[in-house]
N, C-alpha and C. Protein backbone atom coordinates (compact mmCIF):
# COMPACT_ATOMS: atom_id res chain seq x y z
N MET A 1 34.01 -4.16 -0.24
CA MET A 1 33.09 -5.18 0.20
C MET A 1 31.91 -4.53 0.89
N ASP A 2 30.73 -5.03 0.60
CA ASP A 2 29.52 -4.48 1.21
C ASP A 2 29.22 -5.24 2.50
N TYR A 3 29.54 -4.62 3.61
CA TYR A 3 29.37 -5.27 4.90
C TYR A 3 27.92 -5.30 5.34
N LYS A 4 27.09 -4.49 4.72
CA LYS A 4 25.67 -4.47 5.09
C LYS A 4 24.99 -5.77 4.66
N LYS A 5 25.51 -6.42 3.62
CA LYS A 5 24.92 -7.67 3.15
C LYS A 5 25.40 -8.87 3.94
N SER A 6 26.29 -8.66 4.87
CA SER A 6 26.79 -9.74 5.71
C SER A 6 25.68 -10.24 6.62
N LYS A 7 25.78 -11.51 6.99
CA LYS A 7 24.79 -12.10 7.88
C LYS A 7 25.15 -11.87 9.35
N ALA A 8 26.15 -11.05 9.59
CA ALA A 8 26.58 -10.78 10.96
C ALA A 8 25.50 -10.01 11.71
N PRO A 9 25.29 -10.36 12.96
CA PRO A 9 24.29 -9.63 13.75
C PRO A 9 24.79 -8.22 14.10
N VAL A 10 23.85 -7.33 14.30
CA VAL A 10 24.20 -5.96 14.65
C VAL A 10 24.47 -5.86 16.15
N ASN A 11 23.83 -6.70 16.93
CA ASN A 11 24.01 -6.71 18.38
C ASN A 11 24.89 -7.89 18.79
N THR A 12 25.34 -7.85 20.02
CA THR A 12 26.17 -8.91 20.56
C THR A 12 25.37 -10.20 20.68
N VAL A 13 26.03 -11.31 20.34
CA VAL A 13 25.39 -12.62 20.38
C VAL A 13 26.23 -13.53 21.27
N THR A 14 25.57 -14.29 22.11
CA THR A 14 26.27 -15.27 22.94
C THR A 14 26.60 -16.47 22.07
N ARG A 15 27.87 -16.86 22.09
CA ARG A 15 28.31 -17.98 21.25
C ARG A 15 28.85 -19.11 22.12
N ASN A 16 28.75 -20.30 21.61
CA ASN A 16 29.29 -21.46 22.29
C ASN A 16 30.80 -21.50 22.06
N ILE A 17 31.56 -21.53 23.12
CA ILE A 17 33.02 -21.51 23.03
C ILE A 17 33.52 -22.73 22.27
N MET A 18 32.88 -23.86 22.46
CA MET A 18 33.32 -25.09 21.81
C MET A 18 33.18 -25.00 20.30
N ASP A 19 32.18 -24.25 19.82
CA ASP A 19 32.04 -24.06 18.38
C ASP A 19 33.17 -23.21 17.82
N LEU A 20 33.59 -22.21 18.60
CA LEU A 20 34.67 -21.34 18.13
C LEU A 20 36.03 -22.03 18.12
N CYS A 21 36.26 -22.92 19.07
CA CYS A 21 37.57 -23.57 19.13
C CYS A 21 37.62 -24.89 18.38
N GLN A 22 36.55 -25.25 17.72
CA GLN A 22 36.50 -26.51 16.99
C GLN A 22 37.52 -26.52 15.84
N GLU A 23 37.66 -25.45 15.14
CA GLU A 23 38.58 -25.38 13.99
C GLU A 23 40.04 -25.43 14.41
N THR A 24 40.38 -24.69 15.45
CA THR A 24 41.78 -24.56 15.86
C THR A 24 42.17 -25.50 16.99
N GLY A 25 41.21 -25.91 17.79
CA GLY A 25 41.50 -26.74 18.94
C GLY A 25 41.90 -25.94 20.16
N ASN A 26 41.91 -24.62 20.04
CA ASN A 26 42.34 -23.75 21.13
C ASN A 26 41.53 -22.46 21.05
N ILE A 27 40.81 -22.14 22.11
CA ILE A 27 39.96 -20.95 22.10
C ILE A 27 40.78 -19.67 21.98
N TYR A 28 41.96 -19.66 22.58
CA TYR A 28 42.79 -18.46 22.54
C TYR A 28 43.32 -18.20 21.13
N GLU A 29 43.64 -19.26 20.44
CA GLU A 29 44.09 -19.13 19.05
C GLU A 29 42.94 -18.63 18.17
N SER A 30 41.75 -19.14 18.41
CA SER A 30 40.57 -18.69 17.66
C SER A 30 40.31 -17.22 17.89
N VAL A 31 40.39 -16.79 19.14
CA VAL A 31 40.16 -15.38 19.47
C VAL A 31 41.24 -14.50 18.84
N ALA A 32 42.47 -14.97 18.81
CA ALA A 32 43.56 -14.20 18.18
C ALA A 32 43.30 -14.05 16.68
N ILE A 33 42.84 -15.10 16.04
CA ILE A 33 42.54 -15.05 14.60
C ILE A 33 41.40 -14.08 14.35
N ILE A 34 40.36 -14.16 15.16
CA ILE A 34 39.20 -13.27 15.00
C ILE A 34 39.61 -11.82 15.23
N SER A 35 40.45 -11.57 16.22
CA SER A 35 40.86 -10.19 16.51
C SER A 35 41.71 -9.61 15.39
N LYS A 36 42.59 -10.42 14.81
CA LYS A 36 43.40 -9.92 13.69
C LYS A 36 42.53 -9.61 12.48
N ARG A 37 41.55 -10.46 12.23
CA ARG A 37 40.63 -10.21 11.11
C ARG A 37 39.78 -8.97 11.40
N ALA A 38 39.36 -8.79 12.64
CA ALA A 38 38.57 -7.61 13.00
C ALA A 38 39.38 -6.33 12.78
N ASN A 39 40.67 -6.36 13.09
CA ASN A 39 41.53 -5.21 12.83
C ASN A 39 41.61 -4.91 11.34
N GLN A 40 41.72 -5.96 10.52
CA GLN A 40 41.77 -5.76 9.07
C GLN A 40 40.47 -5.14 8.57
N ILE A 41 39.34 -5.64 9.05
CA ILE A 41 38.04 -5.12 8.64
C ILE A 41 37.89 -3.67 9.08
N SER A 42 38.31 -3.37 10.29
CA SER A 42 38.23 -2.01 10.82
C SER A 42 39.02 -1.03 9.96
N VAL A 43 40.22 -1.41 9.59
CA VAL A 43 41.06 -0.54 8.74
C VAL A 43 40.40 -0.34 7.38
N GLN A 44 39.84 -1.41 6.83
CA GLN A 44 39.20 -1.30 5.52
C GLN A 44 37.97 -0.40 5.57
N ILE A 45 37.16 -0.53 6.60
CA ILE A 45 35.98 0.32 6.75
C ILE A 45 36.40 1.78 6.92
N LYS A 46 37.42 2.00 7.72
CA LYS A 46 37.89 3.37 7.96
C LYS A 46 38.41 4.00 6.67
N GLU A 47 39.13 3.24 5.86
CA GLU A 47 39.62 3.75 4.59
C GLU A 47 38.46 4.09 3.65
N ASP A 48 37.45 3.21 3.59
CA ASP A 48 36.29 3.47 2.74
C ASP A 48 35.56 4.73 3.18
N LEU A 49 35.36 4.88 4.48
CA LEU A 49 34.69 6.06 5.00
C LEU A 49 35.50 7.32 4.73
N SER A 50 36.79 7.26 4.91
CA SER A 50 37.64 8.42 4.67
C SER A 50 37.60 8.85 3.22
N LYS A 51 37.60 7.88 2.30
CA LYS A 51 37.53 8.20 0.88
C LYS A 51 36.22 8.90 0.54
N LYS A 52 35.13 8.38 1.10
CA LYS A 52 33.82 8.98 0.79
C LYS A 52 33.67 10.36 1.41
N LEU A 53 34.18 10.54 2.62
CA LEU A 53 34.06 11.84 3.28
C LEU A 53 35.05 12.86 2.73
N ALA A 54 36.13 12.40 2.10
CA ALA A 54 37.11 13.32 1.52
C ALA A 54 36.50 14.15 0.39
N GLU A 55 35.47 13.61 -0.25
CA GLU A 55 34.79 14.35 -1.32
C GLU A 55 34.11 15.61 -0.79
N PHE A 56 33.75 15.59 0.49
CA PHE A 56 33.04 16.72 1.08
C PHE A 56 33.96 17.65 1.85
N ALA A 57 35.24 17.36 1.83
CA ALA A 57 36.18 18.16 2.63
C ALA A 57 36.24 19.59 2.10
N SER A 58 36.24 20.52 3.03
CA SER A 58 36.35 21.93 2.69
C SER A 58 37.70 22.42 3.18
N TYR A 59 38.41 23.08 2.32
CA TYR A 59 39.75 23.53 2.66
C TYR A 59 39.79 25.00 3.07
N ASN A 60 38.63 25.55 3.37
CA ASN A 60 38.57 26.92 3.85
C ASN A 60 38.91 26.95 5.34
N ASP A 61 39.63 27.97 5.75
CA ASP A 61 40.03 28.08 7.14
C ASP A 61 39.02 28.86 7.99
N SER A 62 38.00 29.36 7.37
CA SER A 62 37.04 30.15 8.14
C SER A 62 36.05 29.23 8.85
N LEU A 63 35.84 29.50 10.11
CA LEU A 63 34.92 28.70 10.90
C LEU A 63 33.48 29.19 10.76
N GLU A 64 33.30 30.31 10.11
CA GLU A 64 31.97 30.87 9.97
C GLU A 64 31.12 30.10 8.98
N GLU A 65 31.75 29.47 8.03
CA GLU A 65 31.01 28.78 6.97
C GLU A 65 30.85 27.30 7.29
N VAL A 66 30.10 27.00 8.30
CA VAL A 66 29.82 25.61 8.65
C VAL A 66 28.41 25.30 8.18
N PHE A 67 28.27 24.28 7.39
CA PHE A 67 26.94 23.92 6.89
C PHE A 67 26.81 22.40 6.90
N GLU A 68 25.57 21.96 6.89
CA GLU A 68 25.30 20.54 6.91
C GLU A 68 25.10 20.04 5.49
N ASN A 69 25.67 18.93 5.22
CA ASN A 69 25.52 18.30 3.92
C ASN A 69 24.76 17.00 4.12
N ARG A 70 23.60 16.89 3.51
CA ARG A 70 22.75 15.71 3.71
C ARG A 70 23.43 14.43 3.26
N GLU A 71 24.15 14.47 2.16
CA GLU A 71 24.82 13.28 1.67
C GLU A 71 25.88 12.80 2.67
N GLN A 72 26.60 13.74 3.23
CA GLN A 72 27.63 13.42 4.21
C GLN A 72 26.99 12.79 5.46
N ILE A 73 25.87 13.31 5.87
CA ILE A 73 25.17 12.77 7.03
C ILE A 73 24.67 11.36 6.75
N GLU A 74 24.15 11.13 5.56
CA GLU A 74 23.65 9.81 5.19
C GLU A 74 24.78 8.78 5.14
N ILE A 75 25.93 9.18 4.64
CA ILE A 75 27.09 8.28 4.61
C ILE A 75 27.51 7.93 6.03
N SER A 76 27.55 8.91 6.89
CA SER A 76 27.93 8.67 8.28
C SER A 76 26.92 7.74 8.97
N ARG A 77 25.66 7.95 8.72
CA ARG A 77 24.63 7.08 9.32
C ARG A 77 24.75 5.65 8.82
N TYR A 78 25.05 5.50 7.54
CA TYR A 78 25.22 4.16 6.97
C TYR A 78 26.32 3.41 7.71
N TYR A 79 27.46 4.07 7.92
CA TYR A 79 28.58 3.41 8.59
C TYR A 79 28.32 3.19 10.08
N GLU A 80 27.50 4.03 10.69
CA GLU A 80 27.16 3.84 12.10
C GLU A 80 26.26 2.62 12.29
N LYS A 81 25.45 2.29 11.29
CA LYS A 81 24.52 1.17 11.39
C LYS A 81 25.17 -0.17 11.06
N LEU A 82 26.36 -0.15 10.53
CA LEU A 82 27.04 -1.40 10.19
C LEU A 82 27.36 -2.20 11.45
N PRO A 83 27.41 -3.54 11.32
CA PRO A 83 27.85 -4.34 12.48
C PRO A 83 29.30 -4.00 12.81
N LYS A 84 29.66 -4.17 14.06
CA LYS A 84 31.03 -3.89 14.50
C LYS A 84 31.99 -4.87 13.84
N PRO A 85 33.25 -4.45 13.64
CA PRO A 85 34.23 -5.34 13.00
C PRO A 85 34.41 -6.67 13.72
N THR A 86 34.31 -6.68 15.05
CA THR A 86 34.47 -7.95 15.77
C THR A 86 33.32 -8.91 15.44
N LEU A 87 32.11 -8.38 15.29
CA LEU A 87 30.98 -9.23 14.94
C LEU A 87 31.11 -9.75 13.51
N LEU A 88 31.60 -8.89 12.61
CA LEU A 88 31.82 -9.33 11.23
C LEU A 88 32.89 -10.41 11.16
N ALA A 89 33.99 -10.21 11.90
CA ALA A 89 35.08 -11.18 11.89
C ALA A 89 34.65 -12.50 12.50
N THR A 90 33.89 -12.45 13.57
CA THR A 90 33.40 -13.68 14.19
C THR A 90 32.49 -14.45 13.25
N GLN A 91 31.63 -13.73 12.56
CA GLN A 91 30.72 -14.38 11.61
C GLN A 91 31.52 -15.02 10.48
N GLU A 92 32.52 -14.33 9.97
CA GLU A 92 33.37 -14.90 8.92
C GLU A 92 34.09 -16.15 9.43
N PHE A 93 34.57 -16.11 10.66
CA PHE A 93 35.28 -17.25 11.23
C PHE A 93 34.35 -18.46 11.38
N VAL A 94 33.14 -18.21 11.84
CA VAL A 94 32.17 -19.30 12.02
C VAL A 94 31.78 -19.90 10.67
N GLU A 95 31.71 -19.07 9.64
CA GLU A 95 31.33 -19.54 8.31
C GLU A 95 32.54 -20.07 7.52
N ASP A 96 33.71 -20.17 8.14
CA ASP A 96 34.95 -20.65 7.51
C ASP A 96 35.35 -19.81 6.30
N LYS A 97 35.16 -18.50 6.39
CA LYS A 97 35.56 -17.59 5.32
C LYS A 97 36.89 -16.91 5.61
N VAL A 98 37.51 -17.26 6.73
CA VAL A 98 38.79 -16.65 7.12
C VAL A 98 39.90 -17.64 6.84
N TYR A 99 40.89 -17.21 6.06
CA TYR A 99 42.06 -18.05 5.82
C TYR A 99 43.09 -17.71 6.88
N TRP A 100 43.62 -18.74 7.52
CA TRP A 100 44.65 -18.54 8.53
C TRP A 100 45.58 -19.74 8.49
N ARG A 101 46.78 -19.51 8.95
CA ARG A 101 47.74 -20.61 9.05
C ARG A 101 48.69 -20.33 10.19
N ASP A 102 49.29 -21.37 10.70
CA ASP A 102 50.24 -21.26 11.80
C ASP A 102 51.59 -21.74 11.28
N PRO A 103 52.54 -20.83 11.06
CA PRO A 103 53.85 -21.24 10.53
C PRO A 103 54.58 -22.24 11.43
N ALA A 104 54.38 -22.16 12.74
CA ALA A 104 55.04 -23.10 13.66
C ALA A 104 54.52 -24.52 13.43
N ARG A 105 53.22 -24.65 13.24
CA ARG A 105 52.65 -25.97 12.97
C ARG A 105 53.11 -26.50 11.62
N ASP A 106 53.17 -25.60 10.63
CA ASP A 106 53.63 -26.01 9.31
C ASP A 106 55.06 -26.53 9.36
N ALA A 107 55.91 -25.87 10.14
CA ALA A 107 57.30 -26.29 10.27
C ALA A 107 57.40 -27.64 10.97
N GLN A 108 56.57 -27.88 11.98
CA GLN A 108 56.56 -29.16 12.67
C GLN A 108 56.13 -30.28 11.74
N GLN A 109 55.14 -30.01 10.91
CA GLN A 109 54.67 -31.03 9.98
C GLN A 109 55.73 -31.32 8.91
N ASP A 110 56.46 -30.29 8.48
CA ASP A 110 57.51 -30.47 7.50
C ASP A 110 58.66 -31.30 8.07
N ASP A 111 58.95 -31.10 9.36
CA ASP A 111 60.03 -31.85 10.02
C ASP A 111 59.67 -33.33 10.14
N ARG A 112 58.40 -33.62 10.28
CA ARG A 112 57.96 -35.02 10.40
C ARG A 112 58.10 -35.76 9.09
N LEU A 113 57.97 -35.03 8.00
CA LEU A 113 58.04 -35.67 6.68
C LEU A 113 59.46 -35.90 6.35
């Protein structure tokens, strides 16, 4: 996924708490959902970065041969400029792009039927 095309802000944004808890009815539940999604995004970004940087890995044990690779630097800069995973997850949550469910609520609804 190309996170650069996301509409998430790069800097911190003040958000209305009532907007965040509108979907779940509980701000703490909303924050828990956002944090779990942020962890997923973080792992995915880290895996992507590791795959790209693995191409430049040198398996020589000598410390004398240290050199700069422009492509490697550009890849690192690209990932440094991306919005933080928490900002991406919050933006996805606000745009209703996050699927979540509560098994306890589902069980309660099933018992009522």
